[in-house]
Amino acid sequence: MSIDELQELRIGFQGLQTLYQTYLPKADPLLINDLLVREQENDRPNASLSTSYYRVEILTNEGTESQRMSDVIHRKTGFLPLIHDNGTRYVLNMVLNLELLRGICNSDESIIKVTGYYAGVNGK
């Protein structure tokens, strides 16, 4: 691989990061990337069929009313989160896909970041 080819890779990666920031600014880029890689590996262009479980953390502004935010998260995901750090961090284990991640990110103005990591398939 020549230097020009490596530079092309860097430019492509920078473009991908820009897309992540443009369309899912509250989502951790590593989480987005993981979801996309698993979708591609499983040959599932329709991510709504995902069975990948993630531990998801939703960070909110200080002063967010925790019961209201818990209700927002429950309505969006179907799961009740554990509440930590005086109501600024909400944690749940759930099936996650790109569409659901976007819905979580856009569900409330108090949400400042959504992050998480892969926890297995079908609870394994």
PDB file of N, CA and C in Angstrom:
ATOM      1  N   MET A   1       0.842  -1.172   0.000  1.00  0.00           N
ATOM      2  CA  MET A   1       0.000   0.000   0.000  1.00  0.00           C
ATOM      3  C   MET A   1       0.891   1.241   0.000  1.00  0.00           C
ATOM      4  N   SER A   2       0.609   2.133  -0.889  1.00  0.00           N
ATOM      5  CA  SER A   2       1.407   3.352  -0.951  1.00  0.00           C
ATOM      6  C   SER A   2       0.898   4.381   0.050  1.00  0.00           C
ATOM      7  N   ILE A   3       1.670   5.424   0.238  1.00  0.00           N
ATOM      8  CA  ILE A   3       1.292   6.516   1.139  1.00  0.00           C
ATOM      9  C   ILE A   3      -0.033   7.131   0.684  1.00  0.00           C
ATOM     10  N   ASP A   4      -0.228   7.273  -0.629  1.00  0.00           N
ATOM     11  CA  ASP A   4      -1.476   7.828  -1.149  1.00  0.00           C
ATOM     12  C   ASP A   4      -2.676   6.961  -0.787  1.00  0.00           C
ATOM     13  N   GLU A   5      -2.504   5.653  -0.851  1.00  0.00           N
ATOM     14  CA  GLU A   5      -3.592   4.750  -0.483  1.00  0.00           C
ATOM     15  C   GLU A   5      -3.919   4.856   0.999  1.00  0.00           C
ATOM     16  N   LEU A   6      -2.892   4.973   1.836  1.00  0.00           N
ATOM     17  CA  LEU A   6      -3.119   5.126   3.272  1.00  0.00           C
ATOM     18  C   LEU A   6      -3.814   6.452   3.572  1.00  0.00           C
ATOM     19  N   GLN A   7      -3.423   7.481   2.859  1.00  0.00           N
ATOM     20  CA  GLN A   7      -4.073   8.781   3.035  1.00  0.00           C
ATOM     21  C   GLN A   7      -5.537   8.707   2.612  1.00  0.00           C
ATOM     22  N   GLU A   8      -5.814   7.955   1.564  1.00  0.00           N
ATOM     23  CA  GLU A   8      -7.196   7.766   1.116  1.00  0.00           C
ATOM     24  C   GLU A   8      -8.020   7.063   2.194  1.00  0.00           C
ATOM     25  N   LEU A   9      -7.420   6.077   2.864  1.00  0.00           N
ATOM     26  CA  LEU A   9      -8.094   5.411   3.980  1.00  0.00           C
ATOM     27  C   LEU A   9      -8.404   6.407   5.100  1.00  0.00           C
ATOM     28  N   ARG A  10      -7.439   7.245   5.424  1.00  0.00           N
ATOM     29  CA  ARG A  10      -7.639   8.237   6.491  1.00  0.00           C
ATOM     30  C   ARG A  10      -8.755   9.216   6.127  1.00  0.00           C
ATOM     31  N   ILE A  11      -8.791   9.640   4.903  1.00  0.00           N
ATOM     32  CA  ILE A  11      -9.824  10.582   4.451  1.00  0.00           C
ATOM     33  C   ILE A  11     -11.198   9.909   4.490  1.00  0.00           C
ATOM     34  N   GLY A  12     -11.269   8.658   4.050  1.00  0.00           N
ATOM     35  CA  GLY A  12     -12.535   7.929   4.108  1.00  0.00           C
ATOM     36  C   GLY A  12     -13.023   7.766   5.536  1.00  0.00           C
ATOM     37  N   PHE A  13     -12.106   7.450   6.436  1.00  0.00           N
ATOM     38  CA  PHE A  13     -12.463   7.301   7.846  1.00  0.00           C
ATOM     39  C   PHE A  13     -12.945   8.622   8.424  1.00  0.00           C
ATOM     40  N   GLN A  14     -12.274   9.698   8.085  1.00  0.00           N
ATOM     41  CA  GLN A  14     -12.691  11.021   8.561  1.00  0.00           C
ATOM     42  C   GLN A  14     -14.096  11.352   8.043  1.00  0.00           C
ATOM     43  N   GLY A  15     -14.388  10.980   6.810  1.00  0.00           N
ATOM     44  CA  GLY A  15     -15.721  11.189   6.256  1.00  0.00           C
ATOM     45  C   GLY A  15     -16.775  10.397   7.010  1.00  0.00           C
ATOM     46  N   LEU A  16     -16.442   9.158   7.374  1.00  0.00           N
ATOM     47  CA  LEU A  16     -17.358   8.332   8.142  1.00  0.00           C
ATOM     48  C   LEU A  16     -17.625   8.954   9.504  1.00  0.00           C
ATOM     49  N   GLN A  17     -16.590   9.445  10.165  1.00  0.00           N
ATOM     50  CA  GLN A  17     -16.749  10.110  11.457  1.00  0.00           C
ATOM     51  C   GLN A  17     -17.640  11.337  11.332  1.00  0.00           C
ATOM     52  N   THR A  18     -17.498  12.060  10.237  1.00  0.00           N
ATOM     53  CA  THR A  18     -18.357  13.228   9.994  1.00  0.00           C
ATOM     54  C   THR A  18     -19.815  12.807   9.852  1.00  0.00           C
ATOM     55  N   LEU A  19     -20.066  11.711   9.164  1.00  0.00           N
ATOM     56  CA  LEU A  19     -21.438  11.204   9.029  1.00  0.00           C
ATOM     57  C   LEU A  19     -22.014  10.811  10.388  1.00  0.00           C
ATOM     58  N   TYR A  20     -21.222  10.122  11.195  1.00  0.00           N
ATOM     59  CA  TYR A  20     -21.674   9.759  12.538  1.00  0.00           C
ATOM     60  C   TYR A  20     -22.083  11.009  13.314  1.00  0.00           C
ATOM     61  N   GLN A  21     -21.219  12.021  13.291  1.00  0.00           N
ATOM     62  CA  GLN A  21     -21.473  13.251  14.043  1.00  0.00           C
ATOM     63  C   GLN A  21     -22.678  14.006  13.482  1.00  0.00           C
ATOM     64  N   THR A  22     -22.882  13.950  12.196  1.00  0.00           N
ATOM     65  CA  THR A  22     -23.992  14.666  11.559  1.00  0.00           C
ATOM     66  C   THR A  22     -25.337  14.017  11.895  1.00  0.00           C
ATOM     67  N   TYR A  23     -25.411  12.691  11.774  1.00  0.00           N
ATOM     68  CA  TYR A  23     -26.691  12.007  11.909  1.00  0.00           C
ATOM     69  C   TYR A  23     -26.986  11.473  13.305  1.00  0.00           C
ATOM     70  N   LEU A  24     -25.953  11.191  14.084  1.00  0.00           N
ATOM     71  CA  LEU A  24     -26.131  10.683  15.446  1.00  0.00           C
ATOM     72  C   LEU A  24     -25.140  11.376  16.385  1.00  0.00           C
ATOM     73  N   PRO A  25     -25.264  12.685  16.543  1.00  0.00           N
ATOM     74  CA  PRO A  25     -24.264  13.428  17.315  1.00  0.00           C
ATOM     75  C   PRO A  25     -24.175  13.036  18.789  1.00  0.00           C
ATOM     76  N   LYS A  26     -25.231  12.479  19.350  1.00  0.00           N
ATOM     77  CA  LYS A  26     -25.215  12.088  20.769  1.00  0.00           C
ATOM     78  C   LYS A  26     -24.687  10.669  20.979  1.00  0.00           C
ATOM     79  N   ALA A  27     -24.544   9.912  19.909  1.00  0.00           N
ATOM     80  CA  ALA A  27     -24.125   8.515  20.025  1.00  0.00           C
ATOM     81  C   ALA A  27     -22.604   8.388  19.959  1.00  0.00           C
ATOM     82  N   ASP A  28     -22.077   7.497  20.762  1.00  0.00           N
ATOM     83  CA  ASP A  28     -20.655   7.195  20.764  1.00  0.00           C
ATOM     84  C   ASP A  28     -20.286   6.586  19.407  1.00  0.00           C
ATOM     85  N   PRO A  29     -19.309   7.163  18.704  1.00  0.00           N
ATOM     86  CA  PRO A  29     -18.923   6.617  17.394  1.00  0.00           C
ATOM     87  C   PRO A  29     -18.514   5.150  17.444  1.00  0.00           C
ATOM     88  N   LEU A  30     -17.905   4.710  18.541  1.00  0.00           N
ATOM     89  CA  LEU A  30     -17.521   3.297  18.651  1.00  0.00           C
ATOM     90  C   LEU A  30     -18.747   2.391  18.701  1.00  0.00           C
ATOM     91  N   LEU A  31     -19.807   2.848  19.340  1.00  0.00           N
ATOM     92  CA  LEU A  31     -21.048   2.076  19.391  1.00  0.00           C
ATOM     93  C   LEU A  31     -21.684   2.006  18.001  1.00  0.00           C
ATOM     94  N   ILE A  32     -21.722   3.114  17.309  1.00  0.00           N
ATOM     95  CA  ILE A  32     -22.276   3.127  15.942  1.00  0.00           C
ATOM     96  C   ILE A  32     -21.491   2.162  15.063  1.00  0.00           C
ATOM     97  N   ASN A  33     -20.177   2.258  15.127  1.00  0.00           N
ATOM     98  CA  ASN A  33     -19.326   1.402  14.313  1.00  0.00           C
ATOM     99  C   ASN A  33     -19.561  -0.072  14.631  1.00  0.00           C
ATOM    100  N   ASP A  34     -19.666  -0.403  15.921  1.00  0.00           N
ATOM    101  CA  ASP A  34     -19.903  -1.784  16.322  1.00  0.00           C
ATOM    102  C   ASP A  34     -21.230  -2.296  15.769  1.00  0.00           C
ATOM    103  N   LEU A  35     -22.268  -1.480  15.872  1.00  0.00           N
ATOM    104  CA  LEU A  35     -23.572  -1.882  15.334  1.00  0.00           C
ATOM    105  C   LEU A  35     -23.492  -2.138  13.829  1.00  0.00           C
ATOM    106  N   LEU A  36     -22.818  -1.258  13.108  1.00  0.00           N
ATOM    107  CA  LEU A  36     -22.706  -1.413  11.656  1.00  0.00           C
ATOM    108  C   LEU A  36     -21.875  -2.639  11.275  1.00  0.00           C
ATOM    109  N   VAL A  37     -20.802  -2.887  11.990  1.00  0.00           N
ATOM    110  CA  VAL A  37     -19.961  -4.060  11.700  1.00  0.00           C
ATOM    111  C   VAL A  37     -20.748  -5.343  11.946  1.00  0.00           C
ATOM    112  N   ARG A  38     -21.468  -5.411  13.073  1.00  0.00           N
ATOM    113  CA  ARG A  38     -22.240  -6.621  13.370  1.00  0.00           C
ATOM    114  C   ARG A  38     -23.376  -6.808  12.371  1.00  0.00           C
ATOM    115  N   GLU A  39     -23.992  -5.716  11.954  1.00  0.00           N
ATOM    116  CA  GLU A  39     -25.041  -5.802  10.937  1.00  0.00           C
ATOM    117  C   GLU A  39     -24.476  -6.382   9.649  1.00  0.00           C
ATOM    118  N   GLN A  40     -23.306  -5.920   9.260  1.00  0.00           N
ATOM    119  CA  GLN A  40     -22.685  -6.410   8.033  1.00  0.00           C
ATOM    120  C   GLN A  40     -22.236  -7.869   8.185  1.00  0.00           C
ATOM    121  N   GLU A  41     -21.645  -8.205   9.321  1.00  0.00           N
ATOM    122  CA  GLU A  41     -21.193  -9.582   9.550  1.00  0.00           C
ATOM    123  C   GLU A  41     -22.354 -10.566   9.527  1.00  0.00           C
ATOM    124  N   ASN A  42     -23.492 -10.135  10.041  1.00  0.00           N
ATOM    125  CA  ASN A  42     -24.667 -11.001  10.088  1.00  0.00           C
ATOM    126  C   ASN A  42     -25.485 -10.929   8.813  1.00  0.00           C
ATOM    127  N   ASP A  43     -24.981 -10.143   7.840  1.00  0.00           N
ATOM    128  CA  ASP A  43     -25.660  -9.979   6.554  1.00  0.00           C
ATOM    129  C   ASP A  43     -27.114  -9.594   6.769  1.00  0.00           C
ATOM    130  N   ARG A  44     -27.306  -8.583   7.612  1.00  0.00           N
ATOM    131  CA  ARG A  44     -28.653  -8.106   7.929  1.00  0.00           C
ATOM    132  C   ARG A  44     -28.767  -6.627   7.603  1.00  0.00           C
ATOM    133  N   PRO A  45     -29.036  -6.302   6.356  1.00  0.00           N
ATOM    134  CA  PRO A  45     -29.201  -4.890   6.029  1.00  0.00           C
ATOM    135  C   PRO A  45     -30.389  -4.264   6.755  1.00  0.00           C
ATOM    136  N   ASN A  46     -31.383  -5.077   7.118  1.00  0.00           N
ATOM    137  CA  ASN A  46     -32.514  -4.578   7.894  1.00  0.00           C
ATOM    138  C   ASN A  46     -32.183  -4.800   9.367  1.00  0.00           C
ATOM    139  N   ALA A  47     -31.588  -3.779   9.980  1.00  0.00           N
ATOM    140  CA  ALA A  47     -31.081  -3.914  11.348  1.00  0.00           C
ATOM    141  C   ALA A  47     -32.185  -4.154  12.369  1.00  0.00           C
ATOM    142  N   SER A  48     -33.436  -3.941  11.993  1.00  0.00           N
ATOM    143  CA  SER A  48     -34.512  -4.153  12.955  1.00  0.00           C
ATOM    144  C   SER A  48     -34.638  -5.627  13.335  1.00  0.00           C
ATOM    145  N   LEU A  49     -33.978  -6.512  12.584  1.00  0.00           N
ATOM    146  CA  LEU A  49     -34.005  -7.930  12.895  1.00  0.00           C
ATOM    147  C   LEU A  49     -32.879  -8.334  13.847  1.00  0.00           C
ATOM    148  N   SER A  50     -32.156  -7.357  14.367  1.00  0.00           N
ATOM    149  CA  SER A  50     -31.000  -7.619  15.209  1.00  0.00           C
ATOM    150  C   SER A  50     -31.361  -8.415  16.458  1.00  0.00           C
ATOM    151  N   THR A  51     -30.461  -9.313  16.840  1.00  0.00           N
ATOM    152  CA  THR A  51     -30.582 -10.010  18.115  1.00  0.00           C
ATOM    153  C   THR A  51     -29.327  -9.761  18.949  1.00  0.00           C
ATOM    154  N   SER A  52     -28.633  -8.696  18.667  1.00  0.00           N
ATOM    155  CA  SER A  52     -27.413  -8.362  19.397  1.00  0.00           C
ATOM    156  C   SER A  52     -27.767  -7.581  20.654  1.00  0.00           C
ATOM    157  N   TYR A  53     -27.320  -8.118  21.791  1.00  0.00           N
ATOM    158  CA  TYR A  53     -27.573  -7.461  23.070  1.00  0.00           C
ATOM    159  C   TYR A  53     -26.427  -6.529  23.412  1.00  0.00           C
ATOM    160  N   TYR A  54     -26.783  -5.381  23.926  1.00  0.00           N
ATOM    161  CA  TYR A  54     -25.814  -4.368  24.327  1.00  0.00           C
ATOM    162  C   TYR A  54     -26.119  -3.882  25.737  1.00  0.00           C
ATOM    163  N   ARG A  55     -25.082  -3.485  26.431  1.00  0.00           N
ATOM    164  CA  ARG A  55     -25.244  -2.735  27.674  1.00  0.00           C
ATOM    165  C   ARG A  55     -25.175  -1.277  27.237  1.00  0.00           C
ATOM    166  N   VAL A  56     -26.271  -0.570  27.400  1.00  0.00           N
ATOM    167  CA  VAL A  56     -26.401   0.799  26.920  1.00  0.00           C
ATOM    168  C   VAL A  56     -26.391   1.755  28.104  1.00  0.00           C
ATOM    169  N   GLU A  57     -25.624   2.830  27.973  1.00  0.00           N
ATOM    170  CA  GLU A  57     -25.589   3.871  28.989  1.00  0.00           C
ATOM    171  C   GLU A  57     -26.034   5.177  28.349  1.00  0.00           C
ATOM    172  N   ILE A  58     -26.995   5.803  29.008  1.00  0.00           N
ATOM    173  CA  ILE A  58     -27.537   7.069  28.529  1.00  0.00           C
ATOM    174  C   ILE A  58     -27.170   8.132  29.554  1.00  0.00           C
ATOM    175  N   LEU A  59     -26.409   9.118  29.135  1.00  0.00           N
ATOM    176  CA  LEU A  59     -25.972  10.189  30.017  1.00  0.00           C
ATOM    177  C   LEU A  59     -26.830  11.415  29.779  1.00  0.00           C
ATOM    178  N   THR A  60     -27.245  12.045  30.873  1.00  0.00           N
ATOM    179  CA  THR A  60     -28.124  13.213  30.763  1.00  0.00           C
ATOM    180  C   THR A  60     -27.527  14.406  31.503  1.00  0.00           C
ATOM    181  N   ASN A  61     -28.114  15.555  31.249  1.00  0.00           N
ATOM    182  CA  ASN A  61     -27.721  16.773  31.951  1.00  0.00           C
ATOM    183  C   ASN A  61     -28.008  16.640  33.433  1.00  0.00           C
ATOM    184  N   GLU A  62     -27.191  17.283  34.237  1.00  0.00           N
ATOM    185  CA  GLU A  62     -27.455  17.346  35.668  1.00  0.00           C
ATOM    186  C   GLU A  62     -28.774  18.075  35.885  1.00  0.00           C
ATOM    187  N   GLY A  63     -29.539  17.616  36.852  1.00  0.00           N
ATOM    188  CA  GLY A  63     -30.826  18.233  37.140  1.00  0.00           C
ATOM    189  C   GLY A  63     -31.985  17.618  36.381  1.00  0.00           C
ATOM    190  N   THR A  64     -31.708  16.612  35.547  1.00  0.00           N
ATOM    191  CA  THR A  64     -32.771  15.918  34.833  1.00  0.00           C
ATOM    192  C   THR A  64     -33.610  15.140  35.843  1.00  0.00           C
ATOM    193  N   GLU A  65     -34.921  15.250  35.733  1.00  0.00           N
ATOM    194  CA  GLU A  65     -35.823  14.542  36.647  1.00  0.00           C
ATOM    195  C   GLU A  65     -35.765  13.056  36.300  1.00  0.00           C
ATOM    196  N   SER A  66     -35.244  12.243  37.223  1.00  0.00           N
ATOM    197  CA  SER A  66     -34.926  10.852  36.917  1.00  0.00           C
ATOM    198  C   SER A  66     -36.146   9.994  36.596  1.00  0.00           C
ATOM    199  N   GLN A  67     -37.262  10.202  37.263  1.00  0.00           N
ATOM    200  CA  GLN A  67     -38.444   9.391  36.970  1.00  0.00           C
ATOM    201  C   GLN A  67     -38.981   9.703  35.569  1.00  0.00           C
ATOM    202  N   ARG A  68     -38.988  10.966  35.198  1.00  0.00           N
ATOM    203  CA  ARG A  68     -39.432  11.359  33.859  1.00  0.00           C
ATOM    204  C   ARG A  68     -38.522  10.733  32.803  1.00  0.00           C
ATOM    205  N   MET A  69     -37.198  10.805  33.021  1.00  0.00           N
ATOM    206  CA  MET A  69     -36.266  10.244  32.050  1.00  0.00           C
ATOM    207  C   MET A  69     -36.396   8.729  31.993  1.00  0.00           C
ATOM    208  N   SER A  70     -36.572   8.086  33.130  1.00  0.00           N
ATOM    209  CA  SER A  70     -36.783   6.644  33.154  1.00  0.00           C
ATOM    210  C   SER A  70     -38.016   6.272  32.334  1.00  0.00           C
ATOM    211  N   ASP A  71     -39.077   7.060  32.457  1.00  0.00           N
ATOM    212  CA  ASP A  71     -40.294   6.816  31.676  1.00  0.00           C
ATOM    213  C   ASP A  71     -40.052   7.009  30.186  1.00  0.00           C
ATOM    214  N   VAL A  72     -39.288   8.032  29.818  1.00  0.00           N
ATOM    215  CA  VAL A  72     -38.957   8.285  28.408  1.00  0.00           C
ATOM    216  C   VAL A  72     -38.195   7.092  27.837  1.00  0.00           C
ATOM    217  N   ILE A  73     -37.203   6.633  28.572  1.00  0.00           N
ATOM    218  CA  ILE A  73     -36.390   5.495  28.119  1.00  0.00           C
ATOM    219  C   ILE A  73     -37.247   4.233  28.019  1.00  0.00           C
ATOM    220  N   HIS A  74     -38.111   4.014  28.991  1.00  0.00           N
ATOM    221  CA  HIS A  74     -38.979   2.835  28.973  1.00  0.00           C
ATOM    222  C   HIS A  74     -39.912   2.863  27.765  1.00  0.00           C
ATOM    223  N   ARG A  75     -40.498   4.023  27.485  1.00  0.00           N
ATOM    224  CA  ARG A  75     -41.389   4.129  26.318  1.00  0.00           C
ATOM    225  C   ARG A  75     -40.633   3.876  25.013  1.00  0.00           C
ATOM    226  N   LYS A  76     -39.401   4.340  24.936  1.00  0.00           N
ATOM    227  CA  LYS A  76     -38.629   4.205  23.696  1.00  0.00           C
ATOM    228  C   LYS A  76     -38.072   2.794  23.507  1.00  0.00           C
ATOM    229  N   THR A  77     -37.663   2.143  24.611  1.00  0.00           N
ATOM    230  CA  THR A  77     -36.961   0.861  24.491  1.00  0.00           C
ATOM    231  C   THR A  77     -37.761  -0.350  24.957  1.00  0.00           C
ATOM    232  N   GLY A  78     -38.748  -0.119  25.820  1.00  0.00           N
ATOM    233  CA  GLY A  78     -39.478  -1.228  26.417  1.00  0.00           C
ATOM    234  C   GLY A  78     -38.794  -1.786  27.650  1.00  0.00           C
ATOM    235  N   PHE A  79     -37.681  -1.176  28.058  1.00  0.00           N
ATOM    236  CA  PHE A  79     -36.934  -1.625  29.224  1.00  0.00           C
ATOM    237  C   PHE A  79     -36.826  -0.506  30.251  1.00  0.00           C
ATOM    238  N   LEU A  80     -36.828  -0.900  31.526  1.00  0.00           N
ATOM    239  CA  LEU A  80     -36.617   0.068  32.605  1.00  0.00           C
ATOM    240  C   LEU A  80     -35.127   0.138  32.918  1.00  0.00           C
ATOM    241  N   PRO A  81     -34.559   1.332  32.903  1.00  0.00           N
ATOM    242  CA  PRO A  81     -33.123   1.443  33.170  1.00  0.00           C
ATOM    243  C   PRO A  81     -32.814   1.480  34.660  1.00  0.00           C
ATOM    244  N   LEU A  82     -31.596   1.097  34.998  1.00  0.00           N
ATOM    245  CA  LEU A  82     -31.069   1.354  36.333  1.00  0.00           C
ATOM    246  C   LEU A  82     -30.587   2.803  36.330  1.00  0.00           C
ATOM    247  N   ILE A  83     -30.816   3.506  37.406  1.00  0.00           N
ATOM    248  CA  ILE A  83     -30.467   4.924  37.477  1.00  0.00           C
ATOM    249  C   ILE A  83     -29.262   5.083  38.395  1.00  0.00           C
ATOM    250  N   HIS A  84     -28.242   5.789  37.910  1.00  0.00           N
ATOM    251  CA  HIS A  84     -27.002   5.994  38.659  1.00  0.00           C
ATOM    252  C   HIS A  84     -26.622   7.480  38.657  1.00  0.00           C
ATOM    253  N   ASP A  85     -25.653   7.800  39.490  1.00  0.00           N
ATOM    254  CA  ASP A  85     -25.031   9.130  39.503  1.00  0.00           C
ATOM    255  C   ASP A  85     -26.044  10.259  39.623  1.00  0.00           C
ATOM    256  N   ASN A  86     -26.906  10.143  40.626  1.00  0.00           N
ATOM    257  CA  ASN A  86     -27.910  11.178  40.901  1.00  0.00           C
ATOM    258  C   ASN A  86     -28.787  11.501  39.691  1.00  0.00           C
ATOM    259  N   GLY A  87     -29.147  10.475  38.950  1.00  0.00           N
ATOM    260  CA  GLY A  87     -30.065  10.659  37.826  1.00  0.00           C
ATOM    261  C   GLY A  87     -29.427  11.222  36.575  1.00  0.00           C
ATOM    262  N   THR A  88     -28.120  11.059  36.420  1.00  0.00           N
ATOM    263  CA  THR A  88     -27.473  11.529  35.193  1.00  0.00           C
ATOM    264  C   THR A  88     -26.967  10.384  34.316  1.00  0.00           C
ATOM    265  N   ARG A  89     -27.092   9.144  34.804  1.00  0.00           N
ATOM    266  CA  ARG A  89     -26.645   7.989  34.021  1.00  0.00           C
ATOM    267  C   ARG A  89     -27.670   6.880  34.165  1.00  0.00           C
ATOM    268  N   TYR A  90     -28.144   6.397  33.020  1.00  0.00           N
ATOM    269  CA  TYR A  90     -29.176   5.358  32.953  1.00  0.00           C
ATOM    270  C   TYR A  90     -28.580   4.171  32.211  1.00  0.00           C
ATOM    271  N   VAL A  91     -28.698   2.977  32.787  1.00  0.00           N
ATOM    272  CA  VAL A  91     -28.050   1.798  32.229  1.00  0.00           C
ATOM    273  C   VAL A  91     -29.095   0.717  31.993  1.00  0.00           C
ATOM    274  N   LEU A  92     -29.026   0.080  30.832  1.00  0.00           N
ATOM    275  CA  LEU A  92     -29.927  -1.023  30.545  1.00  0.00           C
ATOM    276  C   LEU A  92     -29.266  -2.010  29.607  1.00  0.00           C
ATOM    277  N   ASN A  93     -29.687  -3.258  29.698  1.00  0.00           N
ATOM    278  CA  ASN A  93     -29.253  -4.307  28.783  1.00  0.00           C
ATOM    279  C   ASN A  93     -30.405  -4.567  27.838  1.00  0.00           C
ATOM    280  N   MET A  94     -30.103  -4.528  26.550  1.00  0.00           N
ATOM    281  CA  MET A  94     -31.195  -4.604  25.580  1.00  0.00           C
ATOM    282  C   MET A  94     -30.687  -5.001  24.208  1.00  0.00           C
ATOM    283  N   VAL A  95     -31.623  -5.472  23.378  1.00  0.00           N
ATOM    284  CA  VAL A  95     -31.338  -5.653  21.963  1.00  0.00           C
ATOM    285  C   VAL A  95     -31.252  -4.258  21.367  1.00  0.00           C
ATOM    286  N   LEU A  96     -30.215  -4.016  20.589  1.00  0.00           N
ATOM    287  CA  LEU A  96     -30.014  -2.678  20.021  1.00  0.00           C
ATOM    288  C   LEU A  96     -29.734  -2.787  18.539  1.00  0.00           C
ATOM    289  N   ASN A  97     -30.258  -1.841  17.795  1.00  0.00           N
ATOM    290  CA  ASN A  97     -29.939  -1.694  16.384  1.00  0.00           C
ATOM    291  C   ASN A  97     -29.807  -0.207  16.103  1.00  0.00           C
ATOM    292  N   LEU A  98     -29.395   0.128  14.904  1.00  0.00           N
ATOM    293  CA  LEU A  98     -29.127   1.514  14.549  1.00  0.00           C
ATOM    294  C   LEU A  98     -30.381   2.388  14.632  1.00  0.00           C
ATOM    295  N   GLU A  99     -31.506   1.847  14.216  1.00  0.00           N
ATOM    296  CA  GLU A  99     -32.751   2.615  14.264  1.00  0.00           C
ATOM    297  C   GLU A  99     -33.156   2.927  15.700  1.00  0.00           C
ATOM    298  N   LEU A 100     -33.031   1.953  16.571  1.00  0.00           N
ATOM    299  CA  LEU A 100     -33.368   2.165  17.975  1.00  0.00           C
ATOM    300  C   LEU A 100     -32.390   3.142  18.629  1.00  0.00           C
ATOM    301  N   LEU A 101     -31.119   3.046  18.276  1.00  0.00           N
ATOM    302  CA  LEU A 101     -30.131   3.992  18.798  1.00  0.00           C
ATOM    303  C   LEU A 101     -30.507   5.421  18.412  1.00  0.00           C
ATOM    304  N   ARG A 102     -30.886   5.611  17.163  1.00  0.00           N
ATOM    305  CA  ARG A 102     -31.308   6.950  16.731  1.00  0.00           C
ATOM    306  C   ARG A 102     -32.528   7.406  17.513  1.00  0.00           C
ATOM    307  N   GLY A 103     -33.479   6.521  17.739  1.00  0.00           N
ATOM    308  CA  GLY A 103     -34.665   6.873  18.506  1.00  0.00           C
ATOM    309  C   GLY A 103     -34.336   7.280  19.930  1.00  0.00           C
ATOM    310  N   ILE A 104     -33.412   6.560  20.556  1.00  0.00           N
ATOM    311  CA  ILE A 104     -33.002   6.908  21.912  1.00  0.00           C
ATOM    312  C   ILE A 104     -32.341   8.281  21.922  1.00  0.00           C
ATOM    313  N   CYS A 105     -31.420   8.490  21.003  1.00  0.00           N
ATOM    314  CA  CYS A 105     -30.691   9.765  20.947  1.00  0.00           C
ATOM    315  C   CYS A 105     -31.634  10.946  20.751  1.00  0.00           C
ATOM    316  N   ASN A 106     -32.689  10.744  19.987  1.00  0.00           N
ATOM    317  CA  ASN A 106     -33.608  11.835  19.658  1.00  0.00           C
ATOM    318  C   ASN A 106     -34.812  11.923  20.589  1.00  0.00           C
ATOM    319  N   SER A 107     -34.866  11.073  21.611  1.00  0.00           N
ATOM    320  CA  SER A 107     -36.080  10.994  22.423  1.00  0.00           C
ATOM    321  C   SER A 107     -36.225  12.110  23.448  1.00  0.00           C
ATOM    322  N   ASP A 108     -35.138  12.779  23.819  1.00  0.00           N
ATOM    323  CA  ASP A 108     -35.246  13.819  24.844  1.00  0.00           C
ATOM    324  C   ASP A 108     -34.055  14.762  24.747  1.00  0.00           C
ATOM    325  N   GLU A 109     -34.315  16.043  24.936  1.00  0.00           N
ATOM    326  CA  GLU A 109     -33.258  17.049  24.862  1.00  0.00           C
ATOM    327  C   GLU A 109     -32.282  16.969  26.032  1.00  0.00           C
ATOM    328  N   SER A 110     -32.642  16.290  27.112  1.00  0.00           N
ATOM    329  CA  SER A 110     -31.754  16.143  28.278  1.00  0.00           C
ATOM    330  C   SER A 110     -30.627  15.150  28.029  1.00  0.00           C
ATOM    331  N   ILE A 111     -30.789  14.297  27.032  1.00  0.00           N
ATOM    332  CA  ILE A 111     -29.761  13.289  26.736  1.00  0.00           C
ATOM    333  C   ILE A 111     -28.573  13.976  26.079  1.00  0.00           C
ATOM    334  N   ILE A 112     -27.390  13.736  26.659  1.00  0.00           N
ATOM    335  CA  ILE A 112     -26.193  14.345  26.088  1.00  0.00           C
ATOM    336  C   ILE A 112     -25.291  13.325  25.389  1.00  0.00           C
ATOM    337  N   LYS A 113     -25.381  12.044  25.789  1.00  0.00           N
ATOM    338  CA  LYS A 113     -24.562  11.030  25.135  1.00  0.00           C
ATOM    339  C   LYS A 113     -25.164   9.646  25.361  1.00  0.00           C
ATOM    340  N   VAL A 114     -25.062   8.808  24.336  1.00  0.00           N
ATOM    341  CA  VAL A 114     -25.468   7.407  24.436  1.00  0.00           C
ATOM    342  C   VAL A 114     -24.253   6.576  24.045  1.00  0.00           C
ATOM    343  N   THR A 115     -23.884   5.698  24.944  1.00  0.00           N
ATOM    344  CA  THR A 115     -22.744   4.832  24.703  1.00  0.00           C
ATOM    345  C   THR A 115     -23.124   3.407  25.096  1.00  0.00           C
ATOM    346  N   GLY A 116     -22.241   2.480  24.858  1.00  0.00           N
ATOM    347  CA  GLY A 116     -22.534   1.113  25.228  1.00  0.00           C
ATOM    348  C   GLY A 116     -21.532   0.156  24.626  1.00  0.00           C
ATOM    349  N   TYR A 117     -21.757  -1.110  24.927  1.00  0.00           N
ATOM    350  CA  TYR A 117     -20.873  -2.125  24.362  1.00  0.00           C
ATOM    351  C   TYR A 117     -21.647  -3.420  24.155  1.00  0.00           C
ATOM    352  N   TYR A 118     -21.152  -4.212  23.243  1.00  0.00           N
ATOM    353  CA  TYR A 118     -21.758  -5.490  22.871  1.00  0.00           C
ATOM    354  C   TYR A 118     -21.713  -6.444  24.053  1.00  0.00           C
ATOM    355  N   ALA A 119     -22.834  -7.113  24.318  1.00  0.00           N
ATOM    356  CA  ALA A 119     -22.913  -8.045  25.444  1.00  0.00           C
ATOM    357  C   ALA A 119     -23.223  -9.466  25.004  1.00  0.00           C
ATOM    358  N   GLY A 120     -23.481  -9.702  23.728  1.00  0.00           N
ATOM    359  CA  GLY A 120     -23.724 -11.054  23.249  1.00  0.00           C
ATOM    360  C   GLY A 120     -24.932 -11.148  22.342  1.00  0.00           C
ATOM    361  N   VAL A 121     -25.203 -12.360  21.878  1.00  0.00           N
ATOM    362  CA  VAL A 121     -26.344 -12.629  21.014  1.00  0.00           C
ATOM    363  C   VAL A 121     -27.317 -13.503  21.779  1.00  0.00           C
ATOM    364  N   ASN A 122     -28.584 -13.111  21.748  1.00  0.00           N
ATOM    365  CA  ASN A 122     -29.621 -13.867  22.452  1.00  0.00           C
ATOM    366  C   ASN A 122     -29.262 -14.117  23.921  1.00  0.00           C
ATOM    367  N   GLY A 123     -28.636 -13.129  24.525  1.00  0.00           N
ATOM    368  CA  GLY A 123     -28.299 -13.215  25.942  1.00  0.00           C
ATOM    369  C   GLY A 123     -27.111 -14.093  26.251  1.00  0.00           C
ATOM    370  N   LYS A 124     -26.404 -14.566  25.232  1.00  0.00           N
ATOM    371  CA  LYS A 124     -25.242 -15.468  25.441  1.00  0.00           C
ATOM    372  C   LYS A 124     -23.994 -14.661  25.675  1.00  0.00           C
TER     373      LYS A 124
END
